Protein backbone atom coordinates (compact mmCIF):
# COMPACT_ATOMS: atom_id res chain seq x y z
CA UNK A 1 146.22 59.73 152.03
CA UNK A 2 147.71 62.30 154.17
CA UNK A 3 150.72 62.61 151.70
CA UNK A 4 148.68 63.05 148.79
CA UNK A 5 146.38 65.64 149.94
CA UNK A 6 148.74 68.33 149.45
CA UNK A 7 149.77 67.22 146.02
CA UNK A 8 146.06 67.17 145.20
CA UNK A 9 145.77 70.49 146.12
CA UNK A 10 148.80 71.81 144.11
CA UNK A 11 147.43 70.07 140.86
CA UNK A 12 144.01 71.76 141.49
CA UNK A 13 145.07 75.15 141.93
CA UNK A 14 147.58 74.78 138.83
CA UNK A 15 144.53 73.74 137.09
CA UNK A 16 142.51 76.69 137.98
CA UNK A 17 145.24 79.11 137.11
CA UNK A 18 145.68 77.95 133.76
CA UNK A 19 141.83 77.86 132.89
CA UNK A 20 141.89 81.60 134.02
CA UNK A 21 144.86 82.18 131.88
CA UNK A 22 143.18 80.54 128.96
CA UNK A 23 140.21 82.43 129.27
CA UNK A 24 142.24 85.82 129.78
CA UNK A 25 143.95 85.00 126.34
CA UNK A 26 140.76 84.30 124.81
CA UNK A 27 139.24 87.78 125.83
CA UNK A 28 142.40 89.57 124.71
CA UNK A 29 142.29 88.14 121.32
CA UNK A 30 141.61 90.76 118.25
CA UNK A 31 139.41 89.61 115.36
CA UNK A 32 139.81 91.03 112.14
CA UNK A 33 137.38 93.69 110.82
CA UNK A 34 134.59 92.66 108.14
CA UNK A 35 132.67 93.87 105.21
CA UNK A 36 135.95 95.17 103.86
CA UNK A 37 135.25 96.80 100.38
CA UNK A 38 136.99 99.22 97.88
CA UNK A 39 134.86 101.70 95.88
CA UNK A 40 135.75 104.15 93.22
CA UNK A 41 134.58 107.35 93.97
CA UNK A 42 135.89 109.48 91.43
CA UNK A 43 139.07 109.75 89.09
CA UNK A 44 141.96 108.00 90.61
CA UNK A 45 140.21 108.23 93.82
CA UNK A 46 138.78 105.09 96.03
CA UNK A 47 137.25 104.76 99.19
CA UNK A 48 138.38 101.62 101.53
CA UNK A 49 135.47 100.83 104.31
CA UNK A 50 135.30 98.17 106.59
CA UNK A 51 133.72 97.27 110.01
CA UNK A 52 134.74 96.02 113.25
CA UNK A 53 134.11 92.62 114.10
CA UNK A 54 130.80 92.11 115.95
CA UNK A 55 132.16 88.93 117.88
CA UNK A 56 134.94 91.20 119.28
CA UNK A 57 134.68 90.57 122.96
CA UNK A 58 135.30 93.76 125.17
CA UNK A 59 138.90 94.46 125.85
CA UNK A 60 140.17 97.32 128.20
CA UNK A 61 142.11 98.85 125.25
CA UNK A 62 141.44 101.32 122.38
CA UNK A 63 141.31 99.57 119.18
CA UNK A 64 142.76 100.80 115.77
CA UNK A 65 143.25 99.74 112.24
CA UNK A 66 146.23 98.90 110.13
CA UNK A 67 145.87 99.54 106.38
CA UNK A 68 148.31 98.38 104.05
CA UNK A 69 148.22 99.14 100.26
CA UNK A 70 149.50 96.54 98.13
CA UNK A 71 148.75 98.07 94.52
CA UNK A 72 149.75 100.06 92.68
CA UNK A 73 152.22 100.79 95.36
CA UNK A 74 153.01 99.80 98.76
CA UNK A 75 151.83 102.07 101.67
CA UNK A 76 151.17 101.54 105.30
CA UNK A 77 149.56 103.82 107.69
CA UNK A 78 146.92 103.38 110.66
CA UNK A 79 143.78 104.93 111.69
CA UNK A 80 140.85 104.55 113.99
CA UNK A 81 138.06 105.20 111.41
CA UNK A 82 136.19 102.58 109.86
CA UNK A 83 136.95 104.04 106.28
CA UNK A 84 139.63 105.86 104.44
CA UNK A 85 139.69 107.64 101.13
CA UNK A 86 142.72 107.51 99.11
CA UNK A 87 144.05 109.29 95.96
CA UNK A 88 146.09 106.87 93.58
CA UNK A 89 146.21 105.81 90.02
CA UNK A 90 143.92 103.26 88.75
CA UNK A 91 145.17 101.95 85.58
CA UNK A 92 146.92 99.16 87.25
CA UNK A 93 144.11 97.84 89.43
CA UNK A 94 144.51 98.57 93.50
CA UNK A 95 144.64 96.14 96.20
CA UNK A 96 144.90 96.88 100.08
CA UNK A 97 144.43 95.00 103.31
CA UNK A 98 143.37 95.78 106.79
CA UNK A 99 143.81 94.30 110.41
CA UNK A 100 142.78 95.35 114.10
CA UNK A 101 145.62 96.29 116.03
CA UNK A 102 145.80 97.95 119.58
CA UNK A 103 145.94 101.64 119.65
CA UNK A 104 147.50 102.75 122.62
CA UNK A 105 150.61 100.38 122.34
CA UNK A 106 149.41 97.60 124.32
CA UNK A 107 151.49 94.30 123.78
CA UNK A 108 148.79 92.45 122.13
CA UNK A 109 149.36 90.47 118.70
CA UNK A 110 147.15 92.26 115.85
CA UNK A 111 144.44 90.58 114.04
CA UNK A 112 144.70 88.72 110.91
CA UNK A 113 144.31 90.30 107.52
CA UNK A 114 141.88 90.66 105.62
CA UNK A 115 141.92 91.89 101.87
CA UNK A 116 140.06 93.40 98.91
CA UNK A 117 141.11 94.50 95.45
CA UNK A 118 139.93 96.26 92.28
CA UNK A 119 140.80 94.75 89.07
CA UNK A 120 142.80 96.53 86.39
CA UNK A 121 140.37 98.25 83.76
CA UNK A 122 140.34 96.70 80.41
CA UNK A 123 142.65 97.42 77.45
CA UNK A 124 145.10 96.18 75.05
CA UNK A 125 148.64 96.74 76.40
CA UNK A 126 150.43 99.25 74.53
CA UNK A 127 147.55 101.40 73.71
CA UNK A 128 147.43 103.96 76.61
CA UNK A 129 148.92 107.36 76.09
CA UNK A 130 152.56 107.67 77.16
CA UNK A 131 154.74 110.64 78.16
CA UNK A 132 151.63 112.59 79.93
CA UNK A 133 152.94 115.85 81.22
CA UNK A 134 151.08 118.78 82.67
CA UNK A 135 151.84 122.22 83.75
CA UNK A 136 149.99 125.17 84.97
CA UNK A 137 149.80 128.73 85.12
CA UNK A 138 148.24 131.74 86.97
CA UNK A 139 146.43 134.80 85.17
CA UNK A 140 145.00 137.74 86.41
CA UNK A 141 140.91 137.18 86.41
CA UNK A 142 139.45 140.19 85.28
CA UNK A 143 135.98 139.03 85.19
CA UNK A 144 135.26 137.57 88.83
CA UNK A 145 136.47 140.04 91.62
CA UNK A 146 136.12 137.71 94.30
CA UNK A 147 138.58 135.32 92.41
CA UNK A 148 141.35 137.88 91.43
CA UNK A 149 143.36 135.05 89.87
CA UNK A 150 142.55 131.98 87.74
CA UNK A 151 144.81 128.66 86.81
CA UNK A 152 144.91 127.27 83.05
CA UNK A 153 146.20 123.93 82.62
CA UNK A 154 147.97 122.53 79.71
CA UNK A 155 148.54 118.47 79.19
CA UNK A 156 150.60 116.97 76.39
CA UNK A 157 151.19 113.35 75.44
CA UNK A 158 151.91 110.51 73.06
CA UNK A 159 149.82 108.02 71.29
CA UNK A 160 150.83 104.20 72.65
CA UNK A 161 153.20 102.43 70.26
CA UNK A 162 150.53 99.98 69.68
CA UNK A 163 147.48 101.91 69.47
CA UNK A 164 145.67 101.88 66.11
CA UNK A 165 145.71 104.81 63.76
CA UNK A 166 142.18 105.65 64.44
CA UNK A 167 142.55 106.02 68.20
CA UNK A 168 141.31 109.15 69.62
CA UNK A 169 142.10 109.96 73.09
CA UNK A 170 140.16 111.81 75.69
CA UNK A 171 141.45 113.82 78.80
CA UNK A 172 140.11 114.57 82.28
CA UNK A 173 141.37 116.28 85.32
CA UNK A 174 140.10 116.02 88.94
CA UNK A 175 141.10 118.64 91.65
CA UNK A 176 139.24 118.06 94.66
CA UNK A 177 135.58 117.57 94.09
CA UNK A 178 135.62 119.18 90.50
CA UNK A 179 136.11 117.11 87.39
CA UNK A 180 136.27 118.67 84.00
CA UNK A 181 136.71 117.04 80.59
CA UNK A 182 139.18 118.73 77.71
CA UNK A 183 137.33 120.90 75.28
CA UNK A 184 140.13 122.02 73.41
CA UNK A 185 142.42 119.96 71.62
CA UNK A 186 145.51 119.49 69.65
CA UNK A 187 146.20 117.04 67.11
CA UNK A 188 148.87 114.92 65.33
CA UNK A 189 149.33 113.94 61.88
CA UNK A 190 146.92 111.23 62.13
CA UNK A 191 144.24 113.47 63.73
CA UNK A 192 144.47 112.28 66.82
CA UNK A 193 144.12 114.40 70.32
CA UNK A 194 148.03 114.54 71.43
CA UNK A 195 147.55 117.73 73.98
CA UNK A 196 144.72 119.70 75.62
CA UNK A 197 144.32 123.33 76.87
CA UNK A 198 142.32 124.15 80.02
CA UNK A 199 142.43 127.96 79.85
CA UNK A 200 140.02 128.37 83.07
CA UNK A 201 140.16 125.55 85.83
CA UNK A 202 138.92 125.29 89.20
CA UNK A 203 142.66 124.36 90.43
CA UNK A 204 144.08 126.50 93.54
CA UNK A 205 147.33 127.47 92.44
CA UNK A 206 147.94 127.98 96.47
CA UNK A 207 146.52 124.07 97.33
CA UNK A 208 148.12 121.28 98.68
CA UNK A 209 146.29 118.57 97.02
CA UNK A 210 147.29 116.22 93.98
CA UNK A 211 146.10 117.18 90.62
CA UNK A 212 144.56 113.71 88.89
CA UNK A 213 144.58 113.32 85.09
CA UNK A 214 143.14 110.60 83.50
CA UNK A 215 143.11 109.85 79.77
CA UNK A 216 141.31 107.19 77.84
CA UNK A 217 140.48 106.34 74.42
CA UNK A 218 138.47 104.52 71.70
CA UNK A 219 139.14 102.66 68.46
CA UNK A 220 137.09 100.24 66.28
CA UNK A 221 140.24 97.77 65.95
CA UNK A 222 141.38 97.42 69.74
CA UNK A 223 140.33 98.44 73.54
CA UNK A 224 142.08 101.36 74.66
CA UNK A 225 143.64 100.99 77.99
CA UNK A 226 143.11 103.94 80.15
CA UNK A 227 145.82 105.86 82.01
CA UNK A 228 146.03 107.85 85.29
CA UNK A 229 148.70 110.20 86.64
CA UNK A 230 148.81 112.15 90.02
CA UNK A 231 150.81 115.70 89.88
CA UNK A 232 151.91 117.64 92.73
CA UNK A 233 150.67 121.25 92.05
CA UNK A 234 154.33 122.84 92.99
CA UNK A 235 156.31 120.52 90.61
CA UNK A 236 153.99 121.73 87.37
CA UNK A 237 153.30 125.06 88.56
CA UNK A 238 155.09 127.69 85.96
CA UNK A 239 155.51 130.90 88.08
CA UNK A 240 155.47 134.16 86.10
CA UNK A 241 158.38 136.41 85.68
CA UNK A 242 158.67 139.34 88.03
CA UNK A 243 156.82 142.47 86.49
CA UNK A 244 157.76 146.30 86.25
CA UNK A 245 161.55 145.60 86.48
CA UNK A 246 163.30 148.93 86.47
CA UNK A 247 167.12 150.11 86.60
CA UNK A 248 169.05 153.17 87.19
CA UNK A 249 172.45 154.17 87.53
CA UNK A 250 173.66 157.03 89.45
CA UNK A 251 177.30 157.14 89.39
CA UNK A 252 178.56 154.00 90.23
CA UNK A 253 175.65 152.53 91.91
CA UNK A 254 173.11 150.57 90.09
CA UNK A 255 169.97 150.28 91.44
CA UNK A 256 167.02 147.60 90.54
CA UNK A 257 163.46 147.15 91.59
CA UNK A 258 160.65 144.75 90.69
CA UNK A 259 157.07 143.80 91.67
CA UNK A 260 156.08 140.08 92.26
CA UNK A 261 154.88 137.93 89.83
CA UNK A 262 151.15 137.61 88.85
CA UNK A 263 150.27 134.83 91.62
CA UNK A 264 147.80 134.31 94.15
CA UNK A 265 150.96 133.94 96.90
CA UNK A 266 151.43 137.07 98.71
CA UNK A 267 154.98 139.07 98.26
CA UNK A 268 156.69 137.43 101.16
CA UNK A 269 156.38 133.98 99.46
CA UNK A 270 158.78 134.60 96.81
CA UNK A 271 162.56 134.28 96.29
CA UNK A 272 164.47 136.26 93.70
CA UNK A 273 167.31 135.92 91.53
CA UNK A 274 168.95 139.06 89.65
CA UNK A 275 171.34 138.74 86.70
CA UNK A 276 173.63 141.21 85.77
CA UNK A 277 175.37 141.28 82.53
CA UNK A 278 178.11 143.56 81.71
CA UNK A 279 178.13 143.53 77.83
CA UNK A 280 181.64 145.52 77.85
CA UNK A 281 183.38 142.89 79.88
CA UNK A 282 181.28 140.08 78.90
CA UNK A 283 180.62 139.30 82.64
CA UNK A 284 177.61 137.88 84.39
CA UNK A 285 176.70 138.68 88.09
CA UNK A 286 173.77 136.59 89.90
CA UNK A 287 172.50 137.35 93.21
CA UNK A 288 169.62 135.35 95.14
CA UNK A 289 167.21 137.76 97.22
CA UNK A 290 164.25 137.67 99.23
CA UNK A 291 163.53 141.39 98.76
CA UNK A 292 162.34 143.10 95.88
CA UNK A 293 165.15 145.35 95.37
CA UNK A 294 168.83 145.12 94.68
CA UNK A 295 172.04 147.59 94.74
CA UNK A 296 175.18 146.79 93.12
CA UNK A 297 178.55 148.75 92.57
CA UNK A 298 179.52 148.92 89.07
CA UNK A 299 181.68 150.89 86.75
CA UNK A 300 180.44 153.77 84.70
CA UNK A 301 181.83 152.95 81.31
CA UNK A 302 179.92 149.90 80.74
CA UNK A 303 176.60 148.94 79.37
CA UNK A 304 174.42 146.67 81.35
CA UNK A 305 171.55 143.93 80.96
CA UNK A 306 169.63 143.46 84.02
CA UNK A 307 166.98 140.14 84.28
CA UNK A 308 164.95 139.04 87.42
CA UNK A 309 163.20 135.68 87.95
CA UNK A 310 161.12 134.14 90.74
CA UNK A 311 160.11 130.90 92.55
CA UNK A 312 158.11 130.30 95.51
CA UNK A 313 159.77 129.69 98.52
CA UNK A 314 159.82 126.77 101.17
CA UNK A 315 158.03 129.28 103.58
CA UNK A 316 154.83 128.99 101.81
CA UNK A 317 154.87 125.59 100.32
CA UNK A 318 157.27 123.04 98.91
CA UNK A 319 159.82 124.61 96.25
CA UNK A 320 159.22 124.06 92.45
CA UNK A 321 160.74 125.52 89.11
CA UNK A 322 162.06 128.92 88.99
CA UNK A 323 160.23 131.23 86.54
CA UNK A 324 161.46 132.13 83.23
CA UNK A 325 163.89 135.37 83.30
CA UNK A 326 161.87 138.73 82.73
CA UNK A 327 162.68 140.52 79.78
CA UNK A 328 166.28 142.30 79.45
CA UNK A 329 166.23 145.90 80.33
CA UNK A 330 169.52 147.76 79.61
CA UNK A 331 171.01 150.71 81.10
CA UNK A 332 174.15 152.95 81.14
CA UNK A 333 176.45 153.40 78.09
CA UNK A 334 179.89 152.15 76.71
CA UNK A 335 180.03 154.94 74.33
CA UNK A 336 181.96 157.33 76.55
CA UNK A 337 185.57 157.04 77.28
CA UNK A 338 185.80 154.21 75.22
CA UNK A 339 185.31 156.62 72.08
CA UNK A 340 187.25 159.17 73.58
CA UNK A 341 190.15 156.57 73.69
CA UNK A 342 189.17 155.45 70.16
CA UNK A 343 189.23 159.12 69.14
CA UNK A 344 192.76 159.66 70.48
CA UNK A 345 194.21 156.72 68.82
CA UNK A 346 192.59 157.59 65.33
CA UNK A 347 193.70 161.12 65.93
CA UNK A 348 197.20 160.05 66.43
CA UNK A 349 197.05 157.87 63.55
CA UNK A 350 195.89 160.79 61.19
CA UNK A 351 198.91 162.69 62.39
CA UNK A 352 201.52 160.51 62.01
CA UNK A 353 199.89 159.66 58.17
CA UNK A 354 200.23 163.32 57.61
CA UNK A 355 203.37 163.60 58.48
CA UNK A 356 204.40 160.83 56.55
CA UNK A 357 202.94 162.03 53.53
CA UNK A 358 204.44 165.14 54.03
CA UNK A 359 207.89 163.89 54.26
CA UNK A 360 207.62 162.04 51.03
CA UNK A 361 206.58 165.05 49.10
CA UNK A 362 209.24 166.93 50.24
CA UNK A 363 211.63 164.31 49.46
CA UNK A 364 210.57 164.04 46.22
CA UNK A 365 210.34 167.77 45.10
CA UNK A 366 213.34 168.66 47.13
CA UNK A 367 211.12 171.22 48.79
CA UNK A 368 212.89 170.57 52.24
CA UNK A 369 216.12 172.03 50.81
CA UNK A 370 214.49 174.78 49.08
CA UNK A 371 212.66 175.70 52.19
CA UNK A 372 215.56 175.29 54.64
CA UNK A 373 218.89 175.61 52.42
CA UNK A 374 221.95 174.86 54.01
CA UNK A 375 224.06 177.62 55.40
CA UNK A 376 227.54 178.13 53.68
CA UNK A 377 230.64 177.87 55.87
CA UNK A 378 233.79 179.77 55.83
CA UNK A 379 236.04 179.18 53.04
CA UNK A 380 239.55 177.61 53.61
CA UNK A 381 242.29 176.97 50.98
CA UNK A 382 243.57 173.65 52.94
CA UNK A 383 240.18 172.22 52.83
CA UNK A 384 239.70 173.37 49.00
CA UNK A 385 243.14 171.91 48.26
CA UNK A 386 242.27 168.36 49.45
CA UNK A 387 238.60 168.52 48.03
CA UNK A 388 240.32 169.25 44.52
CA UNK A 389 243.05 166.64 45.07
CA UNK A 390 240.00 163.73 46.20
CA UNK A 391 238.14 164.85 43.26
CA UNK A 392 240.55 164.73 40.84
CA UNK A 393 241.93 161.41 41.85
CA UNK A 394 238.99 159.63 39.94
CA UNK A 395 240.06 161.05 36.91
CA UNK A 396 243.61 159.62 36.26
CA UNK A 397 247.03 159.51 37.68
CA UNK A 398 248.46 161.70 35.00
CA UNK A 399 245.93 164.42 35.46
CA UNK A 400 246.58 164.22 39.16
CA UNK A 401 250.41 165.03 38.41
CA UNK A 402 249.52 167.63 36.48
CA UNK A 403 246.93 169.65 38.89
CA UNK A 404 249.55 169.09 41.49
CA UNK A 405 252.46 170.74 39.35
CA UNK A 406 250.11 173.25 38.06
CA UNK A 407 249.08 174.29 41.89
CA UNK A 408 252.62 173.98 42.98
CA UNK A 409 254.24 176.45 40.11
CA UNK A 410 253.01 179.66 41.39
CA UNK A 411 254.62 179.06 44.72
CA UNK A 412 257.88 178.41 43.03
CA UNK A 413 257.54 181.58 41.53
CA UNK A 414 256.84 183.20 44.39
CA UNK A 415 259.89 182.07 46.08
CA UNK A 416 262.11 183.24 43.21
CA UNK A 417 260.77 186.64 42.98
CA UNK A 418 261.38 187.12 46.64
CA UNK A 419 265.15 185.69 46.68
CA UNK A 420 266.07 187.73 43.83
């Protein structure tokens, strides 16, 4: 008995410890949320809502929730709230799951998942719109001083490949809490709506929310499947070109200035590109700037074309597309020195041509000989003798002998007279 007592005590202590551990594990077990629902609250917008488990025993840690979006695109995030609003496309349906997790990083296992889903809306495959594209543009609002700028929206699409010929499409957009249906459509050859124009919207060009666009349709021959698409504003905003572009040349200095585009963004939000084209040398020069002025050194004998474009820099929002180039303005002139050079070339050619014609006329009419007759040289008897001889050789040998004898006879006679 004395020997068994310590063993009994050890066994009893182990049993107490195991029971305490089991109770502790039971208290630390996290239970999943309850009443998890998904509700459509707007175009491409759903509200996820759940409740904390009422059977959850108190724990000495803060609890949070891990949400996982399964359809249409996988996404994970954590929150301490019991509801979450999401902007997403819904034409493929929507499915999500949620579980309870320790919020402050305690090493406790999360609860099991609970899930909910929205079924995809009905419609025949291949009947929804395809190639849906949208663009926004900012214009000046002269009617409401409190809103100096207004944003227009233009969207276009193509009919689905399996859509019946009598299909008619209808377009809606939602930005924030505002939803609007299109009133100005453009139609294709089958009289189906394929484009929409919102001249004035409630879209903020400086906003960061996604633009939700929804297109549905109707037909007598088949149910038309709806289509949703989300657009980031920076990716569809068409910035206006800079305005009041001016350029002037002083000597070899080209000075260019402009004003910011028509936009709700302030002047420091823009980047610019300046394009200078030398029309004489067919040379482009492009410069990127953060200011609205540029000075360049040029030659003063060329004509230049100047254009400027803009984009919103990353200082104010995520960068998007560049604007179109401004209308070209022309400065300088290439008619100065090049024209002088051409004048000299033409003048020299004319002088050469006149001299050539004059020489030709003189040669034909022997005018040169008449104007400048040859100067007679002193007469030489010896030279005359050889001239006569050379000229007479062409006649005959006999004649040459006769001429020689004729010339020599007076000489002999003179010698005879002198002797006697």
